[in-house]
């Protein structure tokens, strides 16, 4: 078994941050043109790895990356445990129905209606995901990787999640081999 972490391609949020522009107040940001090209370039790299399965975050930028790199290469499953930490509106998700309309070839019916961090009851507006909640979610996802056996799997996800697991800050569309620790 082999596991590879892949951070999504450059998103609209990443590009604005990089260029010192105002951060767009967009929910579930997509890839930029450069991000799509990064994902297409990644396809060449992953062909050599004989990936059997792809597990992808339900955020649009990750889905777009997975489709560009793995469509017609390996089956893609959407899972919500490794979605990005909710730090800004771009990290908020969309309903399974909305995702299914945009990505009809993938299955989203197993996701809860609101699978991203929700502000506790009684509080209004956007609220950042607390660190304790984020790290507990990431640890649960990391433990779930131990159940993967006999397959070569790519996990398409996000920078803060992969940093929490590996301690490494990954670049857009970087591929990082990962060996789960038995917990």
Protein backbone atom coordinates (compact mmCIF):
# COMPACT_ATOMS: atom_id res chain seq x y z
CA UNK A 1 0.00 0.00 0.00
CA UNK A 2 1.14 3.52 -0.75
CA UNK A 3 -0.52 6.83 0.10
CA UNK A 4 0.21 10.14 -1.60
CA UNK A 5 -1.00 13.51 -0.36
CA UNK A 6 -1.70 16.09 -3.06
CA UNK A 7 -2.53 19.68 -2.27
CA UNK A 8 -5.04 21.26 -4.67
CA UNK A 9 -3.91 23.56 -7.48
CA UNK A 10 -3.78 27.33 -7.14
CA UNK A 11 -7.18 28.71 -6.12
CA UNK A 12 -8.61 32.18 -6.55
CA UNK A 13 -7.84 32.74 -2.84
CA UNK A 14 -4.21 31.54 -3.25
CA UNK A 15 -3.67 33.84 -6.23
CA UNK A 16 -5.05 36.89 -4.43
CA UNK A 17 -2.87 36.19 -1.38
CA UNK A 18 0.21 35.68 -3.53
CA UNK A 19 -0.37 38.90 -5.47
CA UNK A 20 -1.17 41.04 -2.41
CA UNK A 21 -4.72 41.61 -3.67
CA UNK A 22 -7.83 41.82 -1.51
CA UNK A 23 -9.00 38.37 -0.52
CA UNK A 24 -12.24 37.53 -2.34
CA UNK A 25 -15.24 36.89 -0.11
CA UNK A 26 -16.33 33.84 -2.14
CA UNK A 27 -17.64 30.59 -0.68
CA UNK A 28 -15.86 27.46 -1.93
CA UNK A 29 -13.40 29.11 -4.33
CA UNK A 30 -12.44 27.43 -7.62
CA UNK A 31 -9.04 26.97 -9.23
CA UNK A 32 -7.46 29.70 -11.32
CA UNK A 33 -6.30 28.99 -14.86
CA UNK A 34 -2.83 28.42 -13.43
CA UNK A 35 -4.27 26.00 -10.88
CA UNK A 36 -5.95 24.00 -13.66
CA UNK A 37 -2.64 23.87 -15.54
CA UNK A 38 -0.85 22.69 -12.37
CA UNK A 39 -3.40 19.88 -12.06
CA UNK A 40 -3.02 18.90 -15.73
CA UNK A 41 0.76 18.84 -15.26
CA UNK A 42 0.27 16.63 -12.20
CA UNK A 43 -1.54 14.05 -14.36
CA UNK A 44 1.75 13.15 -16.07
CA UNK A 45 3.45 12.67 -12.71
CA UNK A 46 0.71 10.48 -11.19
CA UNK A 47 0.47 8.15 -14.18
CA UNK A 48 3.75 6.56 -13.08
CA UNK A 49 2.41 5.80 -9.59
CA UNK A 50 -0.34 3.31 -10.53
CA UNK A 51 -2.92 5.01 -8.28
CA UNK A 52 -5.84 2.64 -7.60
CA UNK A 53 -8.11 5.13 -5.85
CA UNK A 54 -8.44 8.86 -5.13
CA UNK A 55 -10.00 10.28 -1.97
CA UNK A 56 -10.88 13.92 -2.47
CA UNK A 57 -12.11 16.74 -0.25
CA UNK A 58 -15.55 18.10 -1.22
CA UNK A 59 -14.24 21.65 -1.72
CA UNK A 60 -14.39 22.74 -5.36
CA UNK A 61 -10.67 23.48 -5.73
CA UNK A 62 -9.80 19.95 -4.62
CA UNK A 63 -12.45 18.35 -6.84
CA UNK A 64 -11.25 20.32 -9.87
CA UNK A 65 -7.68 19.23 -9.14
CA UNK A 66 -8.69 15.58 -8.77
CA UNK A 67 -10.68 15.61 -12.00
CA UNK A 68 -7.87 17.26 -13.97
CA UNK A 69 -5.24 14.86 -12.63
CA UNK A 70 -7.17 11.60 -12.22
CA UNK A 71 -10.22 11.52 -14.48
CA UNK A 72 -9.91 8.33 -16.56
CA UNK A 73 -6.96 7.26 -14.34
CA UNK A 74 -8.56 6.10 -11.06
CA UNK A 75 -11.96 6.23 -9.33
CA UNK A 76 -12.54 9.34 -7.21
CA UNK A 77 -14.38 9.19 -3.88
CA UNK A 78 -15.44 12.34 -2.07
CA UNK A 79 -14.81 12.41 1.70
CA UNK A 80 -15.20 15.28 4.13
CA UNK A 81 -12.72 14.47 6.91
CA UNK A 82 -9.77 16.24 5.29
CA UNK A 83 -11.46 19.41 4.04
CA UNK A 84 -9.68 22.67 4.85
CA UNK A 85 -9.88 24.34 8.25
CA UNK A 86 -12.61 26.96 8.12
CA UNK A 87 -10.60 30.19 8.30
CA UNK A 88 -12.47 32.29 5.73
CA UNK A 89 -15.59 32.05 3.54
CA UNK A 90 -13.54 30.33 0.80
CA UNK A 91 -13.26 27.33 3.14
CA UNK A 92 -17.02 26.99 3.55
CA UNK A 93 -18.54 24.14 1.61
CA UNK A 94 -21.62 23.77 -0.49
CA UNK A 95 -24.49 21.31 -0.22
CA UNK A 96 -24.20 17.87 -1.78
CA UNK A 97 -26.94 18.85 -4.27
CA UNK A 98 -25.01 21.95 -5.40
CA UNK A 99 -21.81 19.93 -5.76
CA UNK A 100 -23.64 17.20 -7.71
CA UNK A 101 -24.95 19.82 -10.17
CA UNK A 102 -21.42 21.09 -10.81
CA UNK A 103 -19.74 17.66 -10.82
CA UNK A 104 -22.36 15.19 -12.11
CA UNK A 105 -19.89 12.31 -12.52
CA UNK A 106 -19.14 12.13 -8.80
CA UNK A 107 -21.21 10.95 -5.83
CA UNK A 108 -22.05 13.35 -2.99
CA UNK A 109 -25.19 11.74 -1.54
CA UNK A 110 -23.29 10.26 1.42
CA UNK A 111 -22.26 13.72 2.69
CA UNK A 112 -24.30 15.54 5.33
CA UNK A 113 -26.12 18.62 4.07
CA UNK A 114 -23.60 20.83 5.88
CA UNK A 115 -20.36 18.85 6.12
CA UNK A 116 -18.07 21.80 6.93
CA UNK A 117 -17.65 23.41 10.37
CA UNK A 118 -20.84 25.04 11.60
CA UNK A 119 -21.09 27.94 14.01
CA UNK A 120 -22.45 26.60 17.32
CA UNK A 121 -26.21 26.95 17.79
CA UNK A 122 -27.33 30.38 18.84
CA UNK A 123 -24.43 32.22 17.16
CA UNK A 124 -24.90 34.13 13.96
CA UNK A 125 -22.51 34.72 11.10
CA UNK A 126 -19.17 33.32 10.05
CA UNK A 127 -16.96 31.86 12.74
CA UNK A 128 -13.51 30.31 12.29
CA UNK A 129 -13.21 26.62 13.11
CA UNK A 130 -11.62 26.26 16.56
CA UNK A 131 -8.22 24.56 16.63
CA UNK A 132 -9.38 21.77 18.95
CA UNK A 133 -12.22 20.89 16.58
CA UNK A 134 -9.92 21.04 13.54
CA UNK A 135 -7.17 18.88 15.08
CA UNK A 136 -9.69 16.29 16.34
CA UNK A 137 -11.17 16.05 12.84
CA UNK A 138 -7.74 15.74 11.22
CA UNK A 139 -6.65 13.03 13.70
CA UNK A 140 -9.83 11.06 12.98
CA UNK A 141 -9.11 11.31 9.25
CA UNK A 142 -5.50 10.25 9.81
CA UNK A 143 -6.67 7.19 11.79
CA UNK A 144 -9.01 6.29 8.92
CA UNK A 145 -6.01 6.03 6.59
CA UNK A 146 -4.86 2.99 8.55
CA UNK A 147 -7.84 1.08 7.16
CA UNK A 148 -6.60 1.43 3.60
CA UNK A 149 -4.84 -1.73 2.62
CA UNK A 150 -3.47 -3.17 -0.55
CA UNK A 151 -4.10 -0.09 -2.64
CA UNK A 152 -2.15 2.87 -3.90
CA UNK A 153 -4.23 5.88 -2.89
CA UNK A 154 -3.99 9.59 -3.61
CA UNK A 155 -5.55 11.98 -1.11
CA UNK A 156 -6.41 15.33 -2.71
CA UNK A 157 -6.86 17.99 -0.08
CA UNK A 158 -5.61 21.14 1.57
CA UNK A 159 -2.55 22.83 3.00
CA UNK A 160 -3.51 23.20 6.66
CA UNK A 161 -4.74 19.61 6.90
CA UNK A 162 -1.57 18.19 5.38
CA UNK A 163 0.56 20.48 7.55
CA UNK A 164 -1.28 19.23 10.65
CA UNK A 165 -0.51 15.63 9.65
CA UNK A 166 3.03 15.94 8.27
CA UNK A 167 4.36 19.23 9.63
CA UNK A 168 5.16 20.26 6.04
CA UNK A 169 3.76 23.23 4.16
CA UNK A 170 2.96 21.89 0.70
CA UNK A 171 2.92 23.87 -2.54
CA UNK A 172 -0.04 23.82 -4.89
CA UNK A 173 -0.25 20.44 -6.65
CA UNK A 174 2.70 19.10 -4.70
CA UNK A 175 2.70 15.31 -4.34
CA UNK A 176 3.98 13.98 -1.00
CA UNK A 177 4.37 10.27 -0.14
CA UNK A 178 2.84 9.52 3.28
CA UNK A 179 3.15 6.56 5.61
CA UNK A 180 0.44 6.43 8.29
CA UNK A 181 1.57 5.87 11.87
CA UNK A 182 -0.28 3.19 13.78
CA UNK A 183 -2.27 4.90 16.50
